[in-house]
Amino acid sequence: MDLLWPALQYQNSIYGVIGMHVATKVAGRWQVFTAPGALLLNLPTRNGARAWKVATNYGIGYRLFDFTFPGGRPAELHVNMAKTWIVSDSSDLITGRSIDVVGFSVTFKKQP
């Protein structure tokens, strides 16, 4: 589960709100997205409004630490960097179809 993904470009006010991806451990705490993930973005439009767009992404992650999610469920927190491509109509947007983002993801572990 992906949460809170701001774009890396300076002052563009693009935010990934929620999404998901599948990752595989590569070495130590490092992971790579196994398949493209999905992310819901909120972006500025040409007329000054904001629009919700669906995007796909591919990137790398780093496991920060383990914690217990409310309700007692074990989980891991990751920080990720990804290249994101808007798959829905982008003709009304200020940005191009590709955006670099950084954000957090939570991986839920199996219950003991």
PDB file of N, CA and C in Angstrom:
ATOM      1  N   MET A   1       0.854  -1.165   0.000  1.00  0.00           N
ATOM      2  CA  MET A   1       0.000   0.000   0.000  1.00  0.00           C
ATOM      3  C   MET A   1       0.903   1.232   0.000  1.00  0.00           C
ATOM      4  N   ASP A   2       0.701   2.120  -0.960  1.00  0.00           N
ATOM      5  CA  ASP A   2       1.503   3.338  -1.095  1.00  0.00           C
ATOM      6  C   ASP A   2       0.725   4.539  -0.574  1.00  0.00           C
ATOM      7  N   LEU A   3       1.419   5.416   0.145  1.00  0.00           N
ATOM      8  CA  LEU A   3       0.796   6.611   0.711  1.00  0.00           C
ATOM      9  C   LEU A   3       1.724   7.808   0.598  1.00  0.00           C
ATOM     10  N   LEU A   4       1.176   8.975   0.334  1.00  0.00           N
ATOM     11  CA  LEU A   4       1.897  10.251   0.399  1.00  0.00           C
ATOM     12  C   LEU A   4       3.128  10.284  -0.509  1.00  0.00           C
ATOM     13  N   TRP A   5       2.908  10.478  -1.793  1.00  0.00           N
ATOM     14  CA  TRP A   5       3.974  10.499  -2.779  1.00  0.00           C
ATOM     15  C   TRP A   5       4.055  11.871  -3.446  1.00  0.00           C
ATOM     16  N   PRO A   6       4.874  12.806  -2.951  1.00  0.00           N
ATOM     17  CA  PRO A   6       5.049  14.074  -3.670  1.00  0.00           C
ATOM     18  C   PRO A   6       6.011  13.899  -4.850  1.00  0.00           C
ATOM     19  N   ALA A   7       5.838  14.732  -5.872  1.00  0.00           N
ATOM     20  CA  ALA A   7       6.744  14.700  -7.028  1.00  0.00           C
ATOM     21  C   ALA A   7       8.078  15.315  -6.651  1.00  0.00           C
ATOM     22  N   LEU A   8       9.138  14.883  -7.318  1.00  0.00           N
ATOM     23  CA  LEU A   8      10.481  15.403  -7.041  1.00  0.00           C
ATOM     24  C   LEU A   8      10.776  16.726  -7.746  1.00  0.00           C
ATOM     25  N   GLN A   9       9.995  17.086  -8.744  1.00  0.00           N
ATOM     26  CA  GLN A   9      10.215  18.337  -9.454  1.00  0.00           C
ATOM     27  C   GLN A   9       9.844  19.494  -8.531  1.00  0.00           C
ATOM     28  N   TYR A  10      10.649  20.540  -8.559  1.00  0.00           N
ATOM     29  CA  TYR A  10      10.504  21.686  -7.665  1.00  0.00           C
ATOM     30  C   TYR A  10       9.226  22.475  -7.961  1.00  0.00           C
ATOM     31  N   GLN A  11       8.444  22.752  -6.948  1.00  0.00           N
ATOM     32  CA  GLN A  11       7.248  23.592  -6.978  1.00  0.00           C
ATOM     33  C   GLN A  11       6.232  23.220  -8.059  1.00  0.00           C
ATOM     34  N   ASN A  12       5.914  21.940  -8.198  1.00  0.00           N
ATOM     35  CA  ASN A  12       4.914  21.579  -9.192  1.00  0.00           C
ATOM     36  C   ASN A  12       3.610  21.099  -8.567  1.00  0.00           C
ATOM     37  N   SER A  13       3.552  20.965  -7.271  1.00  0.00           N
ATOM     38  CA  SER A  13       2.352  20.569  -6.509  1.00  0.00           C
ATOM     39  C   SER A  13       1.618  19.371  -7.103  1.00  0.00           C
ATOM     40  N   ILE A  14       2.370  18.317  -7.365  1.00  0.00           N
ATOM     41  CA  ILE A  14       1.816  17.039  -7.806  1.00  0.00           C
ATOM     42  C   ILE A  14       1.961  16.065  -6.644  1.00  0.00           C
ATOM     43  N   TYR A  15       0.871  15.360  -6.337  1.00  0.00           N
ATOM     44  CA  TYR A  15       0.896  14.458  -5.202  1.00  0.00           C
ATOM     45  C   TYR A  15       0.281  13.115  -5.565  1.00  0.00           C
ATOM     46  N   GLY A  16       0.983  12.049  -5.200  1.00  0.00           N
ATOM     47  CA  GLY A  16       0.418  10.715  -5.271  1.00  0.00           C
ATOM     48  C   GLY A  16      -0.265  10.460  -3.941  1.00  0.00           C
ATOM     49  N   VAL A  17      -1.530  10.129  -3.971  1.00  0.00           N
ATOM     50  CA  VAL A  17      -2.295  10.022  -2.736  1.00  0.00           C
ATOM     51  C   VAL A  17      -2.323   8.590  -2.204  1.00  0.00           C
ATOM     52  N   ILE A  18      -2.669   7.649  -3.057  1.00  0.00           N
ATOM     53  CA  ILE A  18      -2.726   6.254  -2.633  1.00  0.00           C
ATOM     54  C   ILE A  18      -2.445   5.366  -3.841  1.00  0.00           C
ATOM     55  N   GLY A  19      -1.869   4.215  -3.589  1.00  0.00           N
ATOM     56  CA  GLY A  19      -1.558   3.300  -4.677  1.00  0.00           C
ATOM     57  C   GLY A  19      -1.092   1.964  -4.144  1.00  0.00           C
ATOM     58  N   MET A  20      -0.542   1.177  -5.046  1.00  0.00           N
ATOM     59  CA  MET A  20      -0.001  -0.117  -4.653  1.00  0.00           C
ATOM     60  C   MET A  20       1.026  -0.588  -5.682  1.00  0.00           C
ATOM     61  N   HIS A  21       1.954  -1.409  -5.214  1.00  0.00           N
ATOM     62  CA  HIS A  21       2.929  -2.026  -6.105  1.00  0.00           C
ATOM     63  C   HIS A  21       3.413  -3.327  -5.477  1.00  0.00           C
ATOM     64  N   VAL A  22       4.070  -4.136  -6.276  1.00  0.00           N
ATOM     65  CA  VAL A  22       4.662  -5.390  -5.822  1.00  0.00           C
ATOM     66  C   VAL A  22       6.166  -5.252  -5.968  1.00  0.00           C
ATOM     67  N   ALA A  23       6.899  -5.600  -4.909  1.00  0.00           N
ATOM     68  CA  ALA A  23       8.355  -5.459  -4.935  1.00  0.00           C
ATOM     69  C   ALA A  23       9.012  -6.771  -4.500  1.00  0.00           C
ATOM     70  N   THR A  24      10.242  -6.944  -4.959  1.00  0.00           N
ATOM     71  CA  THR A  24      11.041  -8.109  -4.610  1.00  0.00           C
ATOM     72  C   THR A  24      12.345  -7.646  -3.980  1.00  0.00           C
ATOM     73  N   LYS A  25      12.747  -8.318  -2.920  1.00  0.00           N
ATOM     74  CA  LYS A  25      13.995  -8.003  -2.246  1.00  0.00           C
ATOM     75  C   LYS A  25      15.167  -8.305  -3.176  1.00  0.00           C
ATOM     76  N   VAL A  26      16.084  -7.336  -3.292  1.00  0.00           N
ATOM     77  CA  VAL A  26      17.246  -7.506  -4.154  1.00  0.00           C
ATOM     78  C   VAL A  26      18.483  -7.820  -3.322  1.00  0.00           C
ATOM     79  N   ALA A  27      18.780  -6.963  -2.347  1.00  0.00           N
ATOM     80  CA  ALA A  27      19.936  -7.155  -1.476  1.00  0.00           C
ATOM     81  C   ALA A  27      19.721  -6.370  -0.198  1.00  0.00           C
ATOM     82  N   GLY A  28      19.878  -7.022   0.940  1.00  0.00           N
ATOM     83  CA  GLY A  28      19.709  -6.336   2.210  1.00  0.00           C
ATOM     84  C   GLY A  28      18.323  -5.723   2.335  1.00  0.00           C
ATOM     85  N   ARG A  29      18.282  -4.409   2.507  1.00  0.00           N
ATOM     86  CA  ARG A  29      17.010  -3.693   2.644  1.00  0.00           C
ATOM     87  C   ARG A  29      16.473  -3.180   1.309  1.00  0.00           C
ATOM     88  N   TRP A  30      17.213  -3.342   0.222  1.00  0.00           N
ATOM     89  CA  TRP A  30      16.825  -2.807  -1.092  1.00  0.00           C
ATOM     90  C   TRP A  30      15.827  -3.713  -1.789  1.00  0.00           C
ATOM     91  N   GLN A  31      14.871  -3.077  -2.473  1.00  0.00           N
ATOM     92  CA  GLN A  31      13.869  -3.793  -3.243  1.00  0.00           C
ATOM     93  C   GLN A  31      13.679  -3.117  -4.591  1.00  0.00           C
ATOM     94  N   VAL A  32      13.161  -3.872  -5.551  1.00  0.00           N
ATOM     95  CA  VAL A  32      12.843  -3.334  -6.870  1.00  0.00           C
ATOM     96  C   VAL A  32      11.397  -3.724  -7.182  1.00  0.00           C
ATOM     97  N   PHE A  33      10.686  -2.810  -7.829  1.00  0.00           N
ATOM     98  CA  PHE A  33       9.298  -3.104  -8.217  1.00  0.00           C
ATOM     99  C   PHE A  33       9.327  -4.255  -9.211  1.00  0.00           C
ATOM    100  N   THR A  34       8.611  -5.322  -8.917  1.00  0.00           N
ATOM    101  CA  THR A  34       8.580  -6.497  -9.776  1.00  0.00           C
ATOM    102  C   THR A  34       7.726  -6.261 -11.012  1.00  0.00           C
ATOM    103  N   ALA A  35       6.639  -5.561 -10.842  1.00  0.00           N
ATOM    104  CA  ALA A  35       5.726  -5.217 -11.939  1.00  0.00           C
ATOM    105  C   ALA A  35       5.324  -3.754 -11.752  1.00  0.00           C
ATOM    106  N   PRO A  36       4.856  -3.107 -12.793  1.00  0.00           N
ATOM    107  CA  PRO A  36       4.422  -1.717 -12.622  1.00  0.00           C
ATOM    108  C   PRO A  36       3.327  -1.600 -11.559  1.00  0.00           C
ATOM    109  N   GLY A  37       3.442  -0.575 -10.733  1.00  0.00           N
ATOM    110  CA  GLY A  37       2.438  -0.314  -9.712  1.00  0.00           C
ATOM    111  C   GLY A  37       1.397   0.669 -10.233  1.00  0.00           C
ATOM    112  N   ALA A  38       0.393   0.925  -9.429  1.00  0.00           N
ATOM    113  CA  ALA A  38      -0.658   1.883  -9.767  1.00  0.00           C
ATOM    114  C   ALA A  38      -0.684   2.969  -8.701  1.00  0.00           C
ATOM    115  N   LEU A  39      -0.942   4.211  -9.117  1.00  0.00           N
ATOM    116  CA  LEU A  39      -0.936   5.343  -8.192  1.00  0.00           C
ATOM    117  C   LEU A  39      -1.995   6.347  -8.628  1.00  0.00           C
ATOM    118  N   LEU A  40      -2.752   6.862  -7.667  1.00  0.00           N
ATOM    119  CA  LEU A  40      -3.737   7.901  -7.924  1.00  0.00           C
ATOM    120  C   LEU A  40      -3.081   9.244  -7.635  1.00  0.00           C
ATOM    121  N   LEU A  41      -2.976  10.086  -8.676  1.00  0.00           N
ATOM    122  CA  LEU A  41      -2.301  11.383  -8.568  1.00  0.00           C
ATOM    123  C   LEU A  41      -3.300  12.530  -8.545  1.00  0.00           C
ATOM    124  N   ASN A  42      -2.926  13.604  -7.838  1.00  0.00           N
ATOM    125  CA  ASN A  42      -3.674  14.853  -7.880  1.00  0.00           C
ATOM    126  C   ASN A  42      -2.736  15.891  -8.481  1.00  0.00           C
ATOM    127  N   LEU A  43      -3.121  16.462  -9.646  1.00  0.00           N
ATOM    128  CA  LEU A  43      -2.239  17.344 -10.407  1.00  0.00           C
ATOM    129  C   LEU A  43      -2.918  18.660 -10.752  1.00  0.00           C
ATOM    130  N   PRO A  44      -2.120  19.729 -10.959  1.00  0.00           N
ATOM    131  CA  PRO A  44      -2.702  20.999 -11.422  1.00  0.00           C
ATOM    132  C   PRO A  44      -3.027  20.921 -12.913  1.00  0.00           C
ATOM    133  N   THR A  45      -4.092  21.612 -13.328  1.00  0.00           N
ATOM    134  CA  THR A  45      -4.489  21.655 -14.736  1.00  0.00           C
ATOM    135  C   THR A  45      -4.154  23.023 -15.325  1.00  0.00           C
ATOM    136  N   ARG A  46      -4.298  23.142 -16.631  1.00  0.00           N
ATOM    137  CA  ARG A  46      -3.990  24.395 -17.327  1.00  0.00           C
ATOM    138  C   ARG A  46      -4.891  25.553 -16.899  1.00  0.00           C
ATOM    139  N   ASN A  47      -6.110  25.264 -16.490  1.00  0.00           N
ATOM    140  CA  ASN A  47      -7.038  26.338 -16.109  1.00  0.00           C
ATOM    141  C   ASN A  47      -6.960  26.698 -14.621  1.00  0.00           C
ATOM    142  N   GLY A  48      -5.980  26.176 -13.903  1.00  0.00           N
ATOM    143  CA  GLY A  48      -5.782  26.512 -12.498  1.00  0.00           C
ATOM    144  C   GLY A  48      -6.491  25.599 -11.520  1.00  0.00           C
ATOM    145  N   ALA A  49      -7.263  24.663 -12.010  1.00  0.00           N
ATOM    146  CA  ALA A  49      -7.953  23.698 -11.145  1.00  0.00           C
ATOM    147  C   ALA A  49      -7.005  22.522 -10.862  1.00  0.00           C
ATOM    148  N   ARG A  50      -7.552  21.489 -10.249  1.00  0.00           N
ATOM    149  CA  ARG A  50      -6.780  20.271  -9.993  1.00  0.00           C
ATOM    150  C   ARG A  50      -7.563  19.095 -10.553  1.00  0.00           C
ATOM    151  N   ALA A  51      -6.844  18.052 -10.935  1.00  0.00           N
ATOM    152  CA  ALA A  51      -7.486  16.873 -11.520  1.00  0.00           C
ATOM    153  C   ALA A  51      -6.909  15.607 -10.898  1.00  0.00           C
ATOM    154  N   TRP A  52      -7.743  14.592 -10.810  1.00  0.00           N
ATOM    155  CA  TRP A  52      -7.314  13.264 -10.354  1.00  0.00           C
ATOM    156  C   TRP A  52      -6.991  12.432 -11.584  1.00  0.00           C
ATOM    157  N   LYS A  53      -5.804  11.825 -11.587  1.00  0.00           N
ATOM    158  CA  LYS A  53      -5.375  11.000 -12.715  1.00  0.00           C
ATOM    159  C   LYS A  53      -4.789   9.684 -12.215  1.00  0.00           C
ATOM    160  N   VAL A  54      -4.987   8.640 -12.995  1.00  0.00           N
ATOM    161  CA  VAL A  54      -4.422   7.327 -12.694  1.00  0.00           C
ATOM    162  C   VAL A  54      -3.074   7.219 -13.387  1.00  0.00           C
ATOM    163  N   ALA A  55      -2.109   6.670 -12.678  1.00  0.00           N
ATOM    164  CA  ALA A  55      -0.763   6.522 -13.238  1.00  0.00           C
ATOM    165  C   ALA A  55      -0.216   5.137 -12.908  1.00  0.00           C
ATOM    166  N   THR A  56       0.769   4.732 -13.667  1.00  0.00           N
ATOM    167  CA  THR A  56       1.502   3.511 -13.390  1.00  0.00           C
ATOM    168  C   THR A  56       2.937   3.909 -13.056  1.00  0.00           C
ATOM    169  N   ASN A  57       3.618   3.113 -12.244  1.00  0.00           N
ATOM    170  CA  ASN A  57       4.976   3.482 -11.847  1.00  0.00           C
ATOM    171  C   ASN A  57       5.871   2.258 -11.724  1.00  0.00           C
ATOM    172  N   TYR A  58       7.161   2.523 -11.754  1.00  0.00           N
ATOM    173  CA  TYR A  58       8.169   1.488 -11.611  1.00  0.00           C
ATOM    174  C   TYR A  58       9.351   2.105 -10.893  1.00  0.00           C
ATOM    175  N   GLY A  59       9.901   1.416  -9.887  1.00  0.00           N
ATOM    176  CA  GLY A  59      10.990   2.032  -9.146  1.00  0.00           C
ATOM    177  C   GLY A  59      11.694   1.088  -8.197  1.00  0.00           C
ATOM    178  N   ILE A  60      12.333   1.695  -7.188  1.00  0.00           N
ATOM    179  CA  ILE A  60      13.086   0.963  -6.174  1.00  0.00           C
ATOM    180  C   ILE A  60      12.609   1.395  -4.791  1.00  0.00           C
ATOM    181  N   GLY A  61      12.850   0.545  -3.813  1.00  0.00           N
ATOM    182  CA  GLY A  61      12.462   0.847  -2.447  1.00  0.00           C
ATOM    183  C   GLY A  61      13.549   0.462  -1.458  1.00  0.00           C
ATOM    184  N   TYR A  62      13.472   1.061  -0.274  1.00  0.00           N
ATOM    185  CA  TYR A  62      14.410   0.767   0.807  1.00  0.00           C
ATOM    186  C   TYR A  62      13.600   0.565   2.084  1.00  0.00           C
ATOM    187  N   ARG A  63      13.747  -0.594   2.726  1.00  0.00           N
ATOM    188  CA  ARG A  63      13.005  -0.878   3.958  1.00  0.00           C
ATOM    189  C   ARG A  63      13.601  -0.074   5.101  1.00  0.00           C
ATOM    190  N   LEU A  64      12.778   0.745   5.745  1.00  0.00           N
ATOM    191  CA  LEU A  64      13.240   1.589   6.848  1.00  0.00           C
ATOM    192  C   LEU A  64      13.196   0.855   8.184  1.00  0.00           C
ATOM    193  N   PHE A  65      12.024   0.341   8.553  1.00  0.00           N
ATOM    194  CA  PHE A  65      11.909  -0.369   9.826  1.00  0.00           C
ATOM    195  C   PHE A  65      10.612  -1.167   9.890  1.00  0.00           C
ATOM    196  N   ASP A  66      10.586  -2.084  10.858  1.00  0.00           N
ATOM    197  CA  ASP A  66       9.380  -2.867  11.147  1.00  0.00           C
ATOM    198  C   ASP A  66       8.597  -2.152  12.237  1.00  0.00           C
ATOM    199  N   PHE A  67       7.288  -2.306  12.222  1.00  0.00           N
ATOM    200  CA  PHE A  67       6.453  -1.723  13.272  1.00  0.00           C
ATOM    201  C   PHE A  67       5.167  -2.530  13.378  1.00  0.00           C
ATOM    202  N   THR A  68       4.383  -2.205  14.380  1.00  0.00           N
ATOM    203  CA  THR A  68       3.097  -2.861  14.565  1.00  0.00           C
ATOM    204  C   THR A  68       2.000  -1.880  14.182  1.00  0.00           C
ATOM    205  N   PHE A  69       1.200  -2.261  13.190  1.00  0.00           N
ATOM    206  CA  PHE A  69       0.099  -1.438  12.720  1.00  0.00           C
ATOM    207  C   PHE A  69      -1.005  -1.461  13.777  1.00  0.00           C
ATOM    208  N   PRO A  70      -1.800  -0.399  13.902  1.00  0.00           N
ATOM    209  CA  PRO A  70      -2.906  -0.431  14.865  1.00  0.00           C
ATOM    210  C   PRO A  70      -3.764  -1.683  14.662  1.00  0.00           C
ATOM    211  N   GLY A  71      -4.078  -2.327  15.742  1.00  0.00           N
ATOM    212  CA  GLY A  71      -4.798  -3.597  15.676  1.00  0.00           C
ATOM    213  C   GLY A  71      -3.868  -4.779  15.855  1.00  0.00           C
ATOM    214  N   GLY A  72      -2.559  -4.517  16.022  1.00  0.00           N
ATOM    215  CA  GLY A  72      -1.594  -5.584  16.280  1.00  0.00           C
ATOM    216  C   GLY A  72      -1.037  -6.274  15.058  1.00  0.00           C
ATOM    217  N   ARG A  73      -1.260  -5.756  13.853  1.00  0.00           N
ATOM    218  CA  ARG A  73      -0.762  -6.398  12.632  1.00  0.00           C
ATOM    219  C   ARG A  73       0.686  -5.978  12.372  1.00  0.00           C
ATOM    220  N   PRO A  74       1.636  -6.913  12.239  1.00  0.00           N
ATOM    221  CA  PRO A  74       3.033  -6.569  11.942  1.00  0.00           C
ATOM    222  C   PRO A  74       3.175  -6.024  10.519  1.00  0.00           C
ATOM    223  N   ALA A  75       4.034  -5.009  10.362  1.00  0.00           N
ATOM    224  CA  ALA A  75       4.207  -4.364   9.059  1.00  0.00           C
ATOM    225  C   ALA A  75       5.614  -3.821   8.924  1.00  0.00           C
ATOM    226  N   GLU A  76       5.967  -3.411   7.700  1.00  0.00           N
ATOM    227  CA  GLU A  76       7.248  -2.770   7.395  1.00  0.00           C
ATOM    228  C   GLU A  76       6.971  -1.437   6.721  1.00  0.00           C
ATOM    229  N   LEU A  77       7.812  -0.434   6.993  1.00  0.00           N
ATOM    230  CA  LEU A  77       7.713   0.859   6.320  1.00  0.00           C
ATOM    231  C   LEU A  77       8.875   0.981   5.342  1.00  0.00           C
ATOM    232  N   HIS A  78       8.573   1.404   4.107  1.00  0.00           N
ATOM    233  CA  HIS A  78       9.572   1.563   3.054  1.00  0.00           C
ATOM    234  C   HIS A  78       9.532   2.988   2.527  1.00  0.00           C
ATOM    235  N   VAL A  79      10.660   3.466   2.043  1.00  0.00           N
ATOM    236  CA  VAL A  79      10.693   4.694   1.261  1.00  0.00           C
ATOM    237  C   VAL A  79      11.031   4.265  -0.168  1.00  0.00           C
ATOM    238  N   ASN A  80      10.357   4.872  -1.144  1.00  0.00           N
ATOM    239  CA  ASN A  80      10.480   4.456  -2.540  1.00  0.00           C
ATOM    240  C   ASN A  80      10.724   5.650  -3.451  1.00  0.00           C
ATOM    241  N   MET A  81      11.439   5.410  -4.526  1.00  0.00           N
ATOM    242  CA  MET A  81      11.587   6.385  -5.610  1.00  0.00           C
ATOM    243  C   MET A  81      11.092   5.697  -6.870  1.00  0.00           C
ATOM    244  N   ALA A  82      10.262   6.407  -7.639  1.00  0.00           N
ATOM    245  CA  ALA A  82       9.668   5.767  -8.810  1.00  0.00           C
ATOM    246  C   ALA A  82       9.495   6.750  -9.959  1.00  0.00           C
ATOM    247  N   LYS A  83       9.524   6.220 -11.155  1.00  0.00           N
ATOM    248  CA  LYS A  83       9.173   6.936 -12.372  1.00  0.00           C
ATOM    249  C   LYS A  83       7.708   6.626 -12.624  1.00  0.00           C
ATOM    250  N   THR A  84       6.885   7.652 -12.821  1.00  0.00           N
ATOM    251  CA  THR A  84       5.445   7.496 -12.945  1.00  0.00           C
ATOM    252  C   THR A  84       4.977   7.987 -14.302  1.00  0.00           C
ATOM    253  N   TRP A  85       4.097   7.214 -14.953  1.00  0.00           N
ATOM    254  CA  TRP A  85       3.530   7.577 -16.244  1.00  0.00           C
ATOM    255  C   TRP A  85       2.027   7.696 -16.106  1.00  0.00           C
ATOM    256  N   ILE A  86       1.473   8.831 -16.510  1.00  0.00           N
ATOM    257  CA  ILE A  86       0.028   9.034 -16.454  1.00  0.00           C
ATOM    258  C   ILE A  86      -0.612   8.212 -17.572  1.00  0.00           C
ATOM    259  N   VAL A  87      -1.568   7.371 -17.214  1.00  0.00           N
ATOM    260  CA  VAL A  87      -2.216   6.521 -18.210  1.00  0.00           C
ATOM    261  C   VAL A  87      -3.586   7.051 -18.621  1.00  0.00           C
ATOM    262  N   SER A  88      -4.159   7.940 -17.830  1.00  0.00           N
ATOM    263  CA  SER A  88      -5.426   8.557 -18.226  1.00  0.00           C
ATOM    264  C   SER A  88      -5.135   9.815 -19.043  1.00  0.00           C
ATOM    265  N   ASP A  89      -6.146  10.437 -19.594  1.00  0.00           N
ATOM    266  CA  ASP A  89      -6.000  11.613 -20.453  1.00  0.00           C
ATOM    267  C   ASP A  89      -5.205  12.706 -19.737  1.00  0.00           C
ATOM    268  N   SER A  90      -4.165  13.218 -20.378  1.00  0.00           N
ATOM    269  CA  SER A  90      -3.330  14.250 -19.762  1.00  0.00           C
ATOM    270  C   SER A  90      -3.328  15.547 -20.566  1.00  0.00           C
ATOM    271  N   SER A  91      -4.257  15.722 -21.494  1.00  0.00           N
ATOM    272  CA  SER A  91      -4.271  16.914 -22.349  1.00  0.00           C
ATOM    273  C   SER A  91      -4.560  18.193 -21.566  1.00  0.00           C
ATOM    274  N   ASP A  92      -5.214  18.086 -20.407  1.00  0.00           N
ATOM    275  CA  ASP A  92      -5.540  19.269 -19.613  1.00  0.00           C
ATOM    276  C   ASP A  92      -4.495  19.599 -18.555  1.00  0.00           C
ATOM    277  N   LEU A  93      -3.383  18.860 -18.510  1.00  0.00           N
ATOM    278  CA  LEU A  93      -2.383  19.038 -17.465  1.00  0.00           C
ATOM    279  C   LEU A  93      -1.254  19.959 -17.890  1.00  0.00           C
ATOM    280  N   ILE A  94      -0.618  20.584 -16.888  1.00  0.00           N
ATOM    281  CA  ILE A  94       0.541  21.441 -17.124  1.00  0.00           C
ATOM    282  C   ILE A  94       1.778  20.589 -17.372  1.00  0.00           C
ATOM    283  N   THR A  95       1.879  19.471 -16.668  1.00  0.00           N
ATOM    284  CA  THR A  95       3.062  18.611 -16.748  1.00  0.00           C
ATOM    285  C   THR A  95       2.982  17.671 -17.942  1.00  0.00           C
ATOM    286  N   GLY A  96       4.074  16.980 -18.175  1.00  0.00           N
ATOM    287  CA  GLY A  96       4.090  15.951 -19.218  1.00  0.00           C
ATOM    288  C   GLY A  96       3.472  14.661 -18.694  1.00  0.00           C
ATOM    289  N   ARG A  97       3.633  13.601 -19.426  1.00  0.00           N
ATOM    290  CA  ARG A  97       3.050  12.314 -19.046  1.00  0.00           C
ATOM    291  C   ARG A  97       3.914  11.539 -18.064  1.00  0.00           C
ATOM    292  N   SER A  98       5.158  11.981 -17.821  1.00  0.00           N
ATOM    293  CA  SER A  98       6.078  11.270 -16.951  1.00  0.00           C
ATOM    294  C   SER A  98       6.495  12.164 -15.782  1.00  0.00           C
ATOM    295  N   ILE A  99       6.457  11.604 -14.574  1.00  0.00           N
ATOM    296  CA  ILE A  99       6.774  12.360 -13.360  1.00  0.00           C
ATOM    297  C   ILE A  99       7.612  11.471 -12.444  1.00  0.00           C
ATOM    298  N   ASP A 100       8.615  12.041 -11.798  1.00  0.00           N
ATOM    299  CA  ASP A 100       9.406  11.324 -10.794  1.00  0.00           C
ATOM    300  C   ASP A 100       8.808  11.608  -9.424  1.00  0.00           C
ATOM    301  N   VAL A 101       8.593  10.547  -8.628  1.00  0.00           N
ATOM    302  CA  VAL A 101       7.987  10.706  -7.310  1.00  0.00           C
ATOM    303  C   VAL A 101       8.792   9.950  -6.258  1.00  0.00           C
ATOM    304  N   VAL A 102       8.623  10.358  -5.020  1.00  0.00           N
ATOM    305  CA  VAL A 102       9.198   9.659  -3.874  1.00  0.00           C
ATOM    306  C   VAL A 102       8.081   9.510  -2.853  1.00  0.00           C
ATOM    307  N   GLY A 103       8.052   8.404  -2.140  1.00  0.00           N
ATOM    308  CA  GLY A 103       6.972   8.229  -1.177  1.00  0.00           C
ATOM    309  C   GLY A 103       7.178   7.032  -0.278  1.00  0.00           C
ATOM    310  N   PHE A 104       6.191   6.806   0.543  1.00  0.00           N
ATOM    311  CA  PHE A 104       6.243   5.728   1.522  1.00  0.00           C
ATOM    312  C   PHE A 104       5.286   4.614   1.128  1.00  0.00           C
ATOM    313  N   SER A 105       5.652   3.405   1.545  1.00  0.00           N
ATOM    314  CA  SER A 105       4.747   2.271   1.373  1.00  0.00           C
ATOM    315  C   SER A 105       4.812   1.410   2.631  1.00  0.00           C
ATOM    316  N   VAL A 106       3.719   0.717   2.865  1.00  0.00           N
ATOM    317  CA  VAL A 106       3.597  -0.186   4.008  1.00  0.00           C
ATOM    318  C   VAL A 106       3.361  -1.597   3.478  1.00  0.00           C
ATOM    319  N   THR A 107       4.140  -2.536   3.971  1.00  0.00           N
ATOM    320  CA  THR A 107       3.960  -3.941   3.626  1.00  0.00           C
ATOM    321  C   THR A 107       3.478  -4.652   4.877  1.00  0.00           C
ATOM    322  N   PHE A 108       2.332  -5.309   4.762  1.00  0.00           N
ATOM    323  CA  PHE A 108       1.801  -6.061   5.896  1.00  0.00           C
ATOM    324  C   PHE A 108       2.399  -7.465   5.893  1.00  0.00           C
ATOM    325  N   LYS A 109       2.864  -7.895   7.067  1.00  0.00           N
ATOM    326  CA  LYS A 109       3.430  -9.238   7.216  1.00  0.00           C
ATOM    327  C   LYS A 109       2.331 -10.213   7.613  1.00  0.00           C
ATOM    328  N   LYS A 110       2.629 -11.481   7.405  1.00  0.00           N
ATOM    329  CA  LYS A 110       1.690 -12.512   7.834  1.00  0.00           C
ATOM    330  C   LYS A 110       1.622 -12.535   9.369  1.00  0.00           C
ATOM    331  N   GLN A 111       0.440 -12.807   9.868  1.00  0.00           N
ATOM    332  CA  GLN A 111       0.252 -12.919  11.325  1.00  0.00           C
ATOM    333  C   GLN A 111       1.014 -14.137  11.828  1.00  0.00           C
ATOM    334  N   PRO A 112       1.697 -14.031  12.980  1.00  0.00           N
ATOM    335  CA  PRO A 112       2.412 -15.188  13.524  1.00  0.00           C
ATOM    336  C   PRO A 112       1.462 -16.272  14.002  1.00  0.00           C
TER     337      PRO A 112
END
